[in-house]
Every structure is written in structure tokens, then in C-alpha cells.
Amino acid sequence: MTMISSSTAADNSAFVAAVHDAERRAQNSYFDQHVILDDERGYITIDEGDFGTLPMHLIDRIVYTVAGDVPDEY
């Protein structure tokens, strides 16, 4: 039997929430959505379009990426 501590459960919940946010946002974006591990806030979702080229300190903390779903061609 595996015990999951409350902090682990909260961490998993925060990760799942950030993934859902990234997937929702990707449906309406040209840019990739990244879930980043943030030491202060847990998991956050960022839009690659807000940053242009991502700095290395953000790239190193990416734990999940959803490709933007809006086609760039007409």
C-alpha cells in the first residue's frame, strides 16, 4: 500500500490544475503553453508568446508542454 501525504496530494492537485489550464489556453493560442515548476507558487502556466525566446532558467523548469492549437495559415 502506498501512502500519499497531504503535501504530495496538494502538489499533484496543483500540477493537474496547471495542466488543465495549459490545455484550455492552447486551444485559443498560436503559441505553446508550458507548465513550469515554481518554487514559490507551485506549478504555473505560461504562454510562450508572452516571452518570445524563453530564458534558460524557465526552460529548465518546464515539466509539461501543450502545443498551440490555432493554425498559423489561412
N, C-alpha and C. Protein backbone atom coordinates (compact mmCIF):
# COMPACT_ATOMS: atom_id res chain seq x y z
N MET A 1 0.84 -1.17 0.00
CA MET A 1 0.00 0.00 0.00
C MET A 1 0.89 1.24 0.00
N THR A 2 0.51 2.23 -0.81
CA THR A 2 1.26 3.47 -0.91
C THR A 2 0.50 4.58 -0.20
N MET A 3 1.18 5.26 0.69
CA MET A 3 0.57 6.39 1.39
C MET A 3 0.95 7.67 0.65
N ILE A 4 -0.01 8.52 0.43
CA ILE A 4 0.24 9.80 -0.19
C ILE A 4 0.02 10.87 0.87
N SER A 5 1.07 11.62 1.16
CA SER A 5 0.94 12.66 2.17
C SER A 5 0.08 13.79 1.63
N SER A 6 -0.44 14.60 2.53
CA SER A 6 -1.30 15.70 2.10
C SER A 6 -0.53 16.70 1.24
N SER A 7 0.76 16.90 1.51
CA SER A 7 1.53 17.83 0.69
C SER A 7 1.74 17.26 -0.71
N THR A 8 1.91 15.95 -0.81
CA THR A 8 2.04 15.32 -2.12
C THR A 8 0.73 15.40 -2.88
N ALA A 9 -0.37 15.16 -2.20
CA ALA A 9 -1.68 15.26 -2.83
C ALA A 9 -1.95 16.68 -3.31
N ALA A 10 -1.59 17.67 -2.51
CA ALA A 10 -1.77 19.07 -2.90
C ALA A 10 -0.88 19.40 -4.10
N ASP A 11 0.35 18.87 -4.11
CA ASP A 11 1.27 19.09 -5.21
C ASP A 11 0.70 18.48 -6.49
N ASN A 12 0.17 17.26 -6.40
CA ASN A 12 -0.44 16.61 -7.57
C ASN A 12 -1.65 17.40 -8.05
N SER A 13 -2.44 17.89 -7.13
CA SER A 13 -3.62 18.67 -7.48
C SER A 13 -3.23 19.96 -8.20
N ALA A 14 -2.19 20.61 -7.73
CA ALA A 14 -1.71 21.84 -8.36
C ALA A 14 -1.18 21.55 -9.77
N PHE A 15 -0.49 20.43 -9.93
CA PHE A 15 0.03 20.06 -11.24
C PHE A 15 -1.11 19.78 -12.21
N VAL A 16 -2.10 19.02 -11.78
CA VAL A 16 -3.25 18.70 -12.63
C VAL A 16 -4.00 19.98 -13.03
N ALA A 17 -4.17 20.90 -12.10
CA ALA A 17 -4.84 22.16 -12.39
C ALA A 17 -4.06 22.97 -13.43
N ALA A 18 -2.74 23.01 -13.30
CA ALA A 18 -1.91 23.75 -14.26
C ALA A 18 -1.95 23.10 -15.64
N VAL A 19 -1.97 21.77 -15.70
CA VAL A 19 -2.07 21.06 -16.98
C VAL A 19 -3.41 21.37 -17.65
N HIS A 20 -4.49 21.33 -16.88
CA HIS A 20 -5.81 21.66 -17.45
C HIS A 20 -5.83 23.10 -17.97
N ASP A 21 -5.21 24.01 -17.23
CA ASP A 21 -5.14 25.41 -17.65
C ASP A 21 -4.36 25.53 -18.96
N ALA A 22 -3.23 24.84 -19.06
CA ALA A 22 -2.41 24.88 -20.28
C ALA A 22 -3.17 24.32 -21.47
N GLU A 23 -3.87 23.21 -21.27
CA GLU A 23 -4.64 22.61 -22.37
C GLU A 23 -5.78 23.51 -22.82
N ARG A 24 -6.43 24.15 -21.88
CA ARG A 24 -7.53 25.07 -22.21
C ARG A 24 -7.00 26.28 -22.98
N ARG A 25 -5.91 26.85 -22.51
CA ARG A 25 -5.33 28.03 -23.14
C ARG A 25 -4.77 27.73 -24.52
N ALA A 26 -4.23 26.52 -24.72
CA ALA A 26 -3.63 26.15 -26.01
C ALA A 26 -4.67 26.10 -27.12
N GLN A 27 -5.92 25.84 -26.78
CA GLN A 27 -6.97 25.78 -27.80
C GLN A 27 -7.18 27.11 -28.49
N ASN A 28 -6.82 28.21 -27.86
CA ASN A 28 -7.05 29.55 -28.40
C ASN A 28 -5.75 30.33 -28.60
N SER A 29 -4.66 29.63 -28.80
CA SER A 29 -3.37 30.32 -28.89
C SER A 29 -2.53 29.77 -30.04
N TYR A 30 -1.75 30.65 -30.64
CA TYR A 30 -0.77 30.23 -31.63
C TYR A 30 0.47 29.63 -30.96
N PHE A 31 0.66 29.94 -29.70
CA PHE A 31 1.90 29.63 -29.00
C PHE A 31 1.74 28.43 -28.07
N ASP A 32 2.86 27.78 -27.81
CA ASP A 32 2.88 26.67 -26.85
C ASP A 32 2.59 27.18 -25.45
N GLN A 33 1.95 26.34 -24.67
CA GLN A 33 1.67 26.63 -23.26
C GLN A 33 2.55 25.70 -22.43
N HIS A 34 3.27 26.26 -21.49
CA HIS A 34 4.19 25.48 -20.67
C HIS A 34 3.75 25.49 -19.22
N VAL A 35 3.83 24.33 -18.58
CA VAL A 35 3.65 24.24 -17.13
C VAL A 35 5.05 24.28 -16.54
N ILE A 36 5.26 25.24 -15.66
CA ILE A 36 6.57 25.50 -15.05
C ILE A 36 6.49 25.19 -13.56
N LEU A 37 7.52 24.55 -13.04
CA LEU A 37 7.62 24.33 -11.60
C LEU A 37 8.21 25.59 -10.99
N ASP A 38 7.42 26.25 -10.14
CA ASP A 38 7.84 27.49 -9.49
C ASP A 38 8.00 27.22 -8.00
N ASP A 39 9.14 27.57 -7.45
CA ASP A 39 9.42 27.28 -6.04
C ASP A 39 8.45 27.97 -5.08
N GLU A 40 7.98 29.15 -5.44
CA GLU A 40 7.10 29.90 -4.54
C GLU A 40 5.62 29.58 -4.74
N ARG A 41 5.21 29.37 -5.99
CA ARG A 41 3.78 29.22 -6.28
C ARG A 41 3.38 27.82 -6.72
N GLY A 42 4.28 26.87 -6.69
CA GLY A 42 3.95 25.52 -7.16
C GLY A 42 4.09 25.44 -8.66
N TYR A 43 3.02 25.08 -9.34
CA TYR A 43 3.03 24.97 -10.79
C TYR A 43 2.28 26.14 -11.39
N ILE A 44 2.88 26.74 -12.42
CA ILE A 44 2.23 27.85 -13.11
C ILE A 44 2.21 27.53 -14.61
N THR A 45 1.30 28.18 -15.32
CA THR A 45 1.20 28.02 -16.77
C THR A 45 1.63 29.32 -17.42
N ILE A 46 2.52 29.23 -18.41
CA ILE A 46 2.93 30.42 -19.13
C ILE A 46 2.69 30.21 -20.62
N ASP A 47 2.44 31.30 -21.32
CA ASP A 47 2.26 31.31 -22.76
C ASP A 47 3.59 31.72 -23.38
N GLU A 48 4.12 30.89 -24.26
CA GLU A 48 5.41 31.18 -24.86
C GLU A 48 5.40 32.51 -25.61
N GLY A 49 4.24 32.92 -26.12
CA GLY A 49 4.13 34.18 -26.83
C GLY A 49 4.36 35.39 -25.95
N ASP A 50 4.20 35.23 -24.65
CA ASP A 50 4.45 36.34 -23.72
C ASP A 50 5.93 36.61 -23.52
N PHE A 51 6.77 35.65 -23.89
CA PHE A 51 8.20 35.75 -23.60
C PHE A 51 9.08 35.81 -24.83
N GLY A 52 8.57 35.51 -26.02
CA GLY A 52 9.44 35.37 -27.17
C GLY A 52 10.31 34.15 -26.96
N THR A 53 11.59 34.30 -27.04
CA THR A 53 12.50 33.20 -26.74
C THR A 53 12.58 33.05 -25.23
N LEU A 54 12.25 31.86 -24.75
CA LEU A 54 12.26 31.64 -23.30
C LEU A 54 13.68 31.66 -22.75
N PRO A 55 13.87 32.32 -21.63
CA PRO A 55 15.19 32.29 -20.99
C PRO A 55 15.48 30.88 -20.44
N MET A 56 16.73 30.55 -20.36
CA MET A 56 17.14 29.20 -19.95
C MET A 56 16.62 28.84 -18.56
N HIS A 57 16.52 29.80 -17.65
CA HIS A 57 16.06 29.47 -16.30
C HIS A 57 14.60 29.02 -16.32
N LEU A 58 13.80 29.44 -17.30
CA LEU A 58 12.43 28.93 -17.44
C LEU A 58 12.41 27.59 -18.16
N ILE A 59 13.21 27.46 -19.20
CA ILE A 59 13.27 26.20 -19.95
C ILE A 59 13.63 25.05 -19.03
N ASP A 60 14.55 25.28 -18.12
CA ASP A 60 14.99 24.23 -17.20
C ASP A 60 13.89 23.76 -16.25
N ARG A 61 12.85 24.58 -16.05
CA ARG A 61 11.79 24.23 -15.11
C ARG A 61 10.50 23.78 -15.78
N ILE A 62 10.50 23.62 -17.12
CA ILE A 62 9.31 23.14 -17.82
C ILE A 62 9.09 21.67 -17.49
N VAL A 63 7.85 21.35 -17.06
CA VAL A 63 7.52 19.96 -16.74
C VAL A 63 6.45 19.40 -17.68
N TYR A 64 5.80 20.28 -18.46
CA TYR A 64 4.76 19.82 -19.38
C TYR A 64 4.52 20.92 -20.40
N THR A 65 4.30 20.53 -21.66
CA THR A 65 4.06 21.49 -22.73
C THR A 65 2.89 21.04 -23.58
N VAL A 66 2.03 22.00 -23.94
CA VAL A 66 0.92 21.75 -24.86
C VAL A 66 1.14 22.68 -26.06
N ALA A 67 1.13 22.11 -27.26
CA ALA A 67 1.32 22.92 -28.47
C ALA A 67 0.10 23.80 -28.69
N GLY A 68 0.34 25.02 -29.15
CA GLY A 68 -0.75 25.92 -29.51
C GLY A 68 -1.60 25.29 -30.59
N ASP A 69 -2.90 25.46 -30.52
CA ASP A 69 -3.83 24.75 -31.39
C ASP A 69 -4.40 25.61 -32.52
N VAL A 70 -4.10 26.91 -32.54
CA VAL A 70 -4.62 27.77 -33.58
C VAL A 70 -3.67 27.71 -34.77
N PRO A 71 -4.19 27.34 -35.95
CA PRO A 71 -3.30 27.27 -37.12
C PRO A 71 -2.82 28.65 -37.53
N ASP A 72 -1.60 28.72 -38.02
CA ASP A 72 -0.99 29.98 -38.41
C ASP A 72 -1.22 30.28 -39.89
N GLU A 73 -1.92 29.39 -40.59
CA GLU A 73 -2.14 29.55 -42.03
C GLU A 73 -3.62 29.78 -42.31
N TYR A 74 -3.88 30.53 -43.37
CA TYR A 74 -5.27 30.74 -43.78
C TYR A 74 -5.50 30.22 -45.16
